[in-house]
Structures are given as C-alpha cells and as structure tokens.
Amino acid sequence: MKAPEVSREGTHAHDSAVRRRDAARSEQLRRSEVRARAHGIRDERSATSDLAAANQELAAREAWVRWVERGY
C-alpha cells in the first residue's frame, strides 16, 4: 500500500526549496553568461567546470522542490 501524497506547497519547507531553486537558476544563468564570454583555454575550462557545477546544483534543487511538493 502506497502512502498518500500530501502537498506541502505554501509551507516554510516549500518556500525555502523554491527560493533555493530560484537562486540556483540565477547562478546557472550567470555561469552560462560567463562561459559564453570566456576566451582562452584556461578561462574556458574554468568557466565550463563552473557551469557544469551550476547545472548540477540547479538539477538537485529542482528535484528537491518536486519532492517537497509531493509531500514525501
């Protein structure tokens, strides 16, 4: 038997998760812009690495919001 899903939208946990996701989205956009302006192997390598980390952070934050919204 599966436990019922209880949405937690509007709770402190949900609001916090959404704020963190939005911050991660902003950081990912910023890193993407930095990567687009990077010149030279050293700058490009560093910017690419930073963008990959920002992409991973955003994916994790999006997953967390979905988890909280489902009420697990």
Protein backbone atom coordinates (compact mmCIF):
# COMPACT_ATOMS: atom_id res chain seq x y z
CA MET A 1 0.00 0.00 0.00
CA LYS A 2 1.36 3.38 -1.00
CA ALA A 3 1.29 6.27 1.44
CA PRO A 4 -0.85 9.18 0.21
CA GLU A 5 0.94 12.21 -1.16
CA VAL A 6 0.30 15.36 0.85
CA SER A 7 1.32 18.57 -0.83
CA ARG A 8 3.42 20.92 1.22
CA GLU A 9 3.07 23.89 -1.09
CA GLY A 10 2.92 27.13 0.87
CA THR A 11 4.83 25.70 3.83
CA HIS A 12 8.15 27.02 5.08
CA ALA A 13 9.91 23.96 3.63
CA HIS A 14 8.37 24.53 0.20
CA ASP A 15 9.05 28.27 0.24
CA SER A 16 12.67 27.62 1.20
CA ALA A 17 13.07 24.99 -1.52
CA VAL A 18 11.64 27.35 -4.14
CA ARG A 19 13.93 30.20 -3.03
CA ARG A 20 16.97 27.93 -3.22
CA ARG A 21 15.92 26.65 -6.64
CA ASP A 22 15.46 30.19 -7.91
CA ALA A 23 18.89 31.18 -6.57
CA ALA A 24 20.42 28.15 -8.27
CA ARG A 25 18.67 29.10 -11.52
CA SER A 26 20.09 32.63 -11.29
CA GLU A 27 23.57 31.29 -10.61
CA GLN A 28 23.28 28.85 -13.53
CA LEU A 29 22.29 31.71 -15.85
CA ARG A 30 25.17 33.84 -14.59
CA ARG A 31 27.66 30.98 -15.10
CA SER A 32 26.25 30.39 -18.57
CA GLU A 33 26.87 34.04 -19.47
CA VAL A 34 30.41 33.89 -18.06
CA ARG A 35 31.06 30.74 -20.12
CA ALA A 36 29.81 32.45 -23.28
CA ARG A 37 32.30 35.30 -22.74
CA ALA A 38 35.27 33.10 -21.79
CA HIS A 39 38.33 33.32 -24.02
CA GLY A 40 41.37 31.12 -23.96
CA ILE A 41 41.79 27.55 -22.85
CA ARG A 42 42.28 28.35 -19.14
CA ASP A 43 39.26 30.67 -18.92
CA GLU A 44 37.06 28.34 -20.95
CA ARG A 45 38.00 25.28 -18.92
CA SER A 46 37.28 27.03 -15.63
CA ALA A 47 34.03 28.55 -16.90
CA THR A 48 32.88 25.20 -18.29
CA SER A 49 33.59 23.49 -14.99
CA ASP A 50 31.75 26.20 -13.04
CA LEU A 51 28.78 25.95 -15.41
CA ALA A 52 28.64 22.17 -15.01
CA ALA A 53 28.57 22.57 -11.23
CA ALA A 54 25.80 25.18 -11.52
CA ASN A 55 23.80 22.84 -13.79
CA GLN A 56 24.11 20.03 -11.24
CA GLU A 57 23.08 22.32 -8.39
CA LEU A 58 20.02 23.50 -10.31
CA ALA A 59 19.00 19.93 -11.13
CA ALA A 60 19.29 18.96 -7.46
CA ARG A 61 17.26 21.99 -6.34
CA GLU A 62 14.55 21.27 -8.93
CA ALA A 63 14.35 17.66 -7.74
CA TRP A 64 14.08 18.82 -4.13
CA VAL A 65 11.19 21.17 -4.94
CA ARG A 66 9.34 18.31 -6.68
CA TRP A 67 9.99 16.05 -3.69
CA VAL A 68 8.64 18.65 -1.23
CA GLU A 69 5.62 19.37 -3.44
CA ARG A 70 4.69 15.70 -3.43
CA GLY A 71 4.76 15.71 0.36
CA TYR A 72 7.14 12.84 0.96
